[in-house]
Amino acid sequence: MAKPPLPDVSTVRVHLTGRDASNFQWGVRLYFSYSAGPPSGADCTTLAGAINSAFSAHLAALMVPNYELDEVYVLDIATDTGLSGQNTTVVAGTRTGIPVAYQVAFNVEYGIARRYRGGKPRSYFPFGADTDLADYSHWTTALHDLVLTGVTAFFNAIEATSIPGLGTLKHINLSYYQGYQPRTTGGGQTTFKPKYRTDFAKSDVVTSYIPRLELSSQRRRRTASTP
């Protein structure tokens, strides 16, 4: 299996993982560039704690108590030998209401300056309750506005975190793939698989947040795998 390329800027990868009352997992993967470094394991642990606190302050109110954040895991991916840290303080949701179906997610897109073919950078969060449904396929505009305020404050709080070993933090998107490579199946059919970039994963600074009113469903949001 091909190895993912390293990013073109010094970067930490952040995994937010949690579960609902039925023990179904959810997960969100984020990236932040840093200006100092390389960070120590203690620096990564400090950042994980700051992200946990920012989640508690700005995002927990968007989740019903059926959901909780269980772990924030921070890994320095600037090199193949970067260190890591974690915070396992549980943060339960505080929003009033009945949970929606576990596979339903709130889609927040990340605005970047670069345009390219393919999906927009985004995350799928376990936000919302039954009272936040405008109809069978849309969230209410009231929840939209709360998510925009909460998500913006969450990322602003992380970027304002002062950790000497990391320096200035910026929320970024990483593009790992460029083009496709053909692959012939056992039946003789040709399929096309996304191909890793040959040099570095390309970074783009996130400049805005766009909550989507349409209900979303994304299985991978619950386990958010590598890279």
Protein backbone atom coordinates (compact mmCIF):
# COMPACT_ATOMS: atom_id res chain seq x y z
CA MET A 1 0.00 0.00 0.00
CA ALA A 2 1.34 3.45 -0.94
CA LYS A 3 2.47 5.70 1.89
CA PRO A 4 0.66 9.05 2.33
CA PRO A 5 2.89 12.05 1.50
CA LEU A 6 4.05 14.39 4.24
CA PRO A 7 2.34 17.82 4.36
CA ASP A 8 3.91 20.87 2.71
CA VAL A 9 3.75 22.79 6.02
CA SER A 10 4.44 21.69 9.60
CA THR A 11 1.16 20.11 10.69
CA VAL A 12 -0.54 18.31 13.55
CA ARG A 13 -3.43 15.97 12.88
CA VAL A 14 -6.26 15.98 15.41
CA HIS A 15 -8.78 13.20 15.97
CA LEU A 16 -11.93 13.91 17.94
CA THR A 17 -13.64 10.64 18.82
CA GLY A 18 -16.69 9.81 20.88
CA ARG A 19 -19.76 7.63 21.08
CA ASP A 20 -23.49 7.68 21.63
CA ALA A 21 -25.52 5.87 24.29
CA SER A 22 -25.73 2.79 22.04
CA ASN A 23 -21.91 2.68 21.86
CA PHE A 24 -21.78 3.72 18.20
CA GLN A 25 -18.60 5.70 17.56
CA TRP A 26 -18.27 9.04 15.83
CA GLY A 27 -15.10 10.78 14.75
CA VAL A 28 -13.87 14.03 13.21
CA ARG A 29 -10.39 14.56 11.77
CA LEU A 30 -8.83 18.05 11.66
CA TYR A 31 -5.49 19.57 10.66
CA PHE A 32 -3.60 22.56 12.06
CA SER A 33 -0.37 24.04 10.78
CA TYR A 34 2.15 25.32 13.32
CA SER A 35 4.98 27.84 13.02
CA ALA A 36 7.46 26.59 15.65
CA GLY A 37 8.25 23.03 16.60
CA PRO A 38 8.84 20.25 16.36
CA PRO A 39 6.43 19.88 19.30
CA SER A 40 7.19 17.62 22.23
CA GLY A 41 4.76 15.00 23.47
CA ALA A 42 3.88 17.40 26.31
CA ASP A 43 3.10 20.14 23.74
CA CYS A 44 0.75 17.77 21.92
CA THR A 45 -0.93 16.82 25.18
CA THR A 46 -1.39 20.49 26.10
CA LEU A 47 -2.98 21.16 22.71
CA ALA A 48 -5.28 18.16 23.13
CA GLY A 49 -6.43 19.59 26.46
CA ALA A 50 -7.05 23.02 24.91
CA ILE A 51 -9.11 21.46 22.12
CA ASN A 52 -11.13 19.49 24.66
CA SER A 53 -11.84 22.71 26.56
CA ALA A 54 -12.82 24.53 23.34
CA PHE A 55 -15.18 21.68 22.46
CA SER A 56 -16.77 21.84 25.89
CA ALA A 57 -17.19 25.61 25.69
CA HIS A 58 -18.49 25.93 22.13
CA LEU A 59 -19.71 22.61 20.69
CA ALA A 60 -21.12 20.52 23.55
CA ALA A 61 -24.26 22.68 23.56
CA LEU A 62 -24.97 21.51 19.99
CA MET A 63 -25.07 17.80 20.95
CA VAL A 64 -27.77 16.05 22.95
CA PRO A 65 -26.64 14.21 26.14
CA ASN A 66 -26.91 10.97 24.15
CA TYR A 67 -23.55 11.90 22.60
CA GLU A 68 -20.17 12.50 24.19
CA LEU A 69 -16.60 13.36 23.25
CA ASP A 70 -14.26 10.71 24.64
CA GLU A 71 -10.81 11.56 23.32
CA VAL A 72 -8.79 14.24 21.57
CA TYR A 73 -5.67 12.75 19.97
CA VAL A 74 -2.97 15.03 18.54
CA LEU A 75 -0.18 13.69 16.29
CA ASP A 76 2.67 15.67 14.73
CA ILE A 77 2.68 14.55 11.07
CA ALA A 78 5.37 16.97 9.84
CA THR A 79 7.81 14.05 9.85
CA ASP A 80 7.65 10.27 10.11
CA THR A 81 8.83 10.47 13.72
CA GLY A 82 6.52 13.14 15.15
CA LEU A 83 5.29 12.79 18.72
CA SER A 84 1.73 12.68 20.01
CA GLY A 85 -0.49 13.49 22.98
CA GLN A 86 -4.06 12.93 24.05
CA ASN A 87 -6.80 14.11 26.38
CA THR A 88 -9.50 11.71 27.53
CA THR A 89 -11.70 14.04 29.57
CA VAL A 90 -15.29 13.08 28.67
CA VAL A 91 -17.50 15.93 27.43
CA ALA A 92 -21.21 15.11 27.20
CA GLY A 93 -23.67 17.02 25.06
CA THR A 94 -26.05 19.42 26.80
CA ARG A 95 -28.66 20.17 24.13
CA THR A 96 -32.29 19.51 25.05
CA GLY A 97 -34.17 17.11 22.81
CA ILE A 98 -34.45 13.56 21.51
CA PRO A 99 -31.53 12.22 19.43
CA VAL A 100 -32.01 11.86 15.69
CA ALA A 101 -30.97 8.64 13.92
CA TYR A 102 -27.33 7.84 14.71
CA GLN A 103 -26.25 7.91 11.05
CA VAL A 104 -27.49 11.50 10.58
CA ALA A 105 -24.75 14.13 10.74
CA PHE A 106 -24.43 17.89 10.49
CA ASN A 107 -22.16 18.83 7.58
CA VAL A 108 -19.88 21.84 8.06
CA GLU A 109 -17.92 22.77 4.94
CA TYR A 110 -14.60 24.61 5.15
CA GLY A 111 -14.03 27.52 2.78
CA ILE A 112 -10.59 27.74 1.13
CA ALA A 113 -9.20 30.06 -1.53
CA ARG A 114 -8.15 27.32 -3.96
CA ARG A 115 -10.66 25.77 -6.34
CA TYR A 116 -10.22 22.17 -7.48
CA ARG A 117 -12.30 19.35 -8.85
CA GLY A 118 -13.71 17.07 -6.20
CA GLY A 119 -15.42 17.34 -2.84
CA LYS A 120 -15.10 20.38 -0.65
CA PRO A 121 -13.22 20.02 2.67
CA ARG A 122 -15.73 19.33 5.42
CA SER A 123 -16.46 17.62 8.72
CA TYR A 124 -19.51 15.68 9.88
CA PHE A 125 -20.52 16.44 13.46
CA PRO A 126 -23.12 14.71 15.70
CA PHE A 127 -25.10 17.92 16.22
CA GLY A 128 -28.84 18.49 16.52
CA ALA A 129 -31.97 17.05 18.13
CA ASP A 130 -35.44 16.15 16.92
CA THR A 131 -36.62 19.72 17.59
CA ASP A 132 -33.91 21.01 15.21
CA LEU A 133 -35.48 19.31 12.17
CA ALA A 134 -37.28 21.68 9.82
CA ASP A 135 -38.57 18.72 7.77
CA TYR A 136 -37.46 15.20 6.81
CA SER A 137 -34.35 16.44 4.99
CA HIS A 138 -33.31 19.80 6.50
CA TRP A 139 -32.13 21.35 9.73
CA THR A 140 -33.72 24.56 10.99
CA THR A 141 -32.09 27.91 10.23
CA ALA A 142 -31.92 28.45 14.00
CA LEU A 143 -29.61 25.44 14.40
CA HIS A 144 -27.64 26.57 11.33
CA ASP A 145 -26.90 29.90 13.02
CA LEU A 146 -25.96 28.25 16.32
CA VAL A 147 -23.59 25.86 14.54
CA LEU A 148 -21.95 28.72 12.62
CA THR A 149 -21.38 30.64 15.85
CA GLY A 150 -20.18 27.60 17.79
CA VAL A 151 -17.86 26.18 15.13
CA THR A 152 -16.31 29.58 14.42
CA ALA A 153 -15.68 30.15 18.13
CA PHE A 154 -14.28 26.61 18.50
CA PHE A 155 -11.65 27.07 15.81
CA ASN A 156 -10.85 30.62 16.89
CA ALA A 157 -10.20 29.34 20.41
CA ILE A 158 -7.83 26.67 19.13
CA GLU A 159 -5.92 29.13 16.94
CA ALA A 160 -5.60 31.48 19.93
CA THR A 161 -3.97 28.74 22.04
CA SER A 162 -0.45 29.72 23.07
CA ILE A 163 2.00 26.80 23.21
CA PRO A 164 5.66 27.81 22.70
CA GLY A 165 6.56 24.46 21.17
CA LEU A 166 3.93 24.95 18.45
CA GLY A 167 3.85 28.70 17.85
CA THR A 168 1.04 30.05 15.68
CA LEU A 169 -1.73 27.58 14.87
CA LYS A 170 -3.88 27.76 11.72
CA HIS A 171 -6.80 25.51 10.75
CA ILE A 172 -5.96 24.01 7.36
CA ASN A 173 -7.18 21.48 4.84
CA LEU A 174 -4.76 18.90 3.43
CA SER A 175 -5.14 17.52 -0.09
CA TYR A 176 -3.45 14.13 -0.27
CA TYR A 177 -4.60 13.04 -3.73
CA GLN A 178 -4.08 14.25 -7.28
CA GLY A 179 -5.41 12.37 -10.27
CA TYR A 180 -6.15 8.67 -10.59
CA GLN A 181 -4.32 5.47 -11.39
CA PRO A 182 -5.93 2.63 -13.39
CA ARG A 183 -6.37 -0.78 -11.79
CA THR A 184 -7.52 -3.96 -13.52
CA THR A 185 -9.83 -6.23 -11.52
CA GLY A 186 -9.85 -10.01 -11.63
CA GLY A 187 -12.73 -9.84 -14.09
CA GLY A 188 -10.73 -7.73 -16.52
CA GLN A 189 -12.51 -4.47 -15.78
CA THR A 190 -10.51 -1.29 -15.35
CA THR A 191 -11.25 0.91 -12.37
CA PHE A 192 -9.60 4.17 -11.34
CA LYS A 193 -8.26 4.67 -7.83
CA PRO A 194 -7.29 8.10 -6.41
CA LYS A 195 -3.52 8.55 -6.48
CA TYR A 196 -1.41 10.08 -3.71
CA ARG A 197 0.51 13.22 -4.62
CA THR A 198 4.11 12.45 -5.51
CA ASP A 199 5.71 15.26 -3.49
CA PHE A 200 3.76 16.72 -0.55
CA ALA A 201 0.18 16.89 0.63
CA LYS A 202 -1.02 20.38 -0.36
CA SER A 203 -2.30 22.65 2.41
CA ASP A 204 -4.94 25.37 2.23
CA VAL A 205 -5.80 27.72 5.09
CA VAL A 206 -9.47 27.51 6.07
CA THR A 207 -10.96 31.00 5.73
CA SER A 208 -14.66 30.41 6.48
CA TYR A 209 -17.20 27.91 7.80
CA ILE A 210 -20.36 26.97 5.90
CA PRO A 211 -22.95 24.91 7.82
CA ARG A 212 -25.28 23.02 5.45
CA LEU A 213 -29.00 22.89 6.09
CA GLU A 214 -29.40 19.52 4.34
CA LEU A 215 -29.24 16.45 6.59
CA SER A 216 -26.06 14.51 5.93
CA SER A 217 -25.05 10.92 6.44
CA GLN A 218 -21.42 9.84 6.53
CA ARG A 219 -20.45 6.50 8.01
CA ARG A 220 -16.75 7.36 8.13
CA ARG A 221 -17.43 10.30 10.43
CA ARG A 222 -17.82 7.73 13.24
CA THR A 223 -14.35 6.23 12.82
CA ALA A 224 -12.40 8.79 10.69
CA SER A 225 -9.45 6.74 9.43
CA THR A 226 -6.00 7.82 8.21
CA PRO A 227 -4.27 9.67 6.60
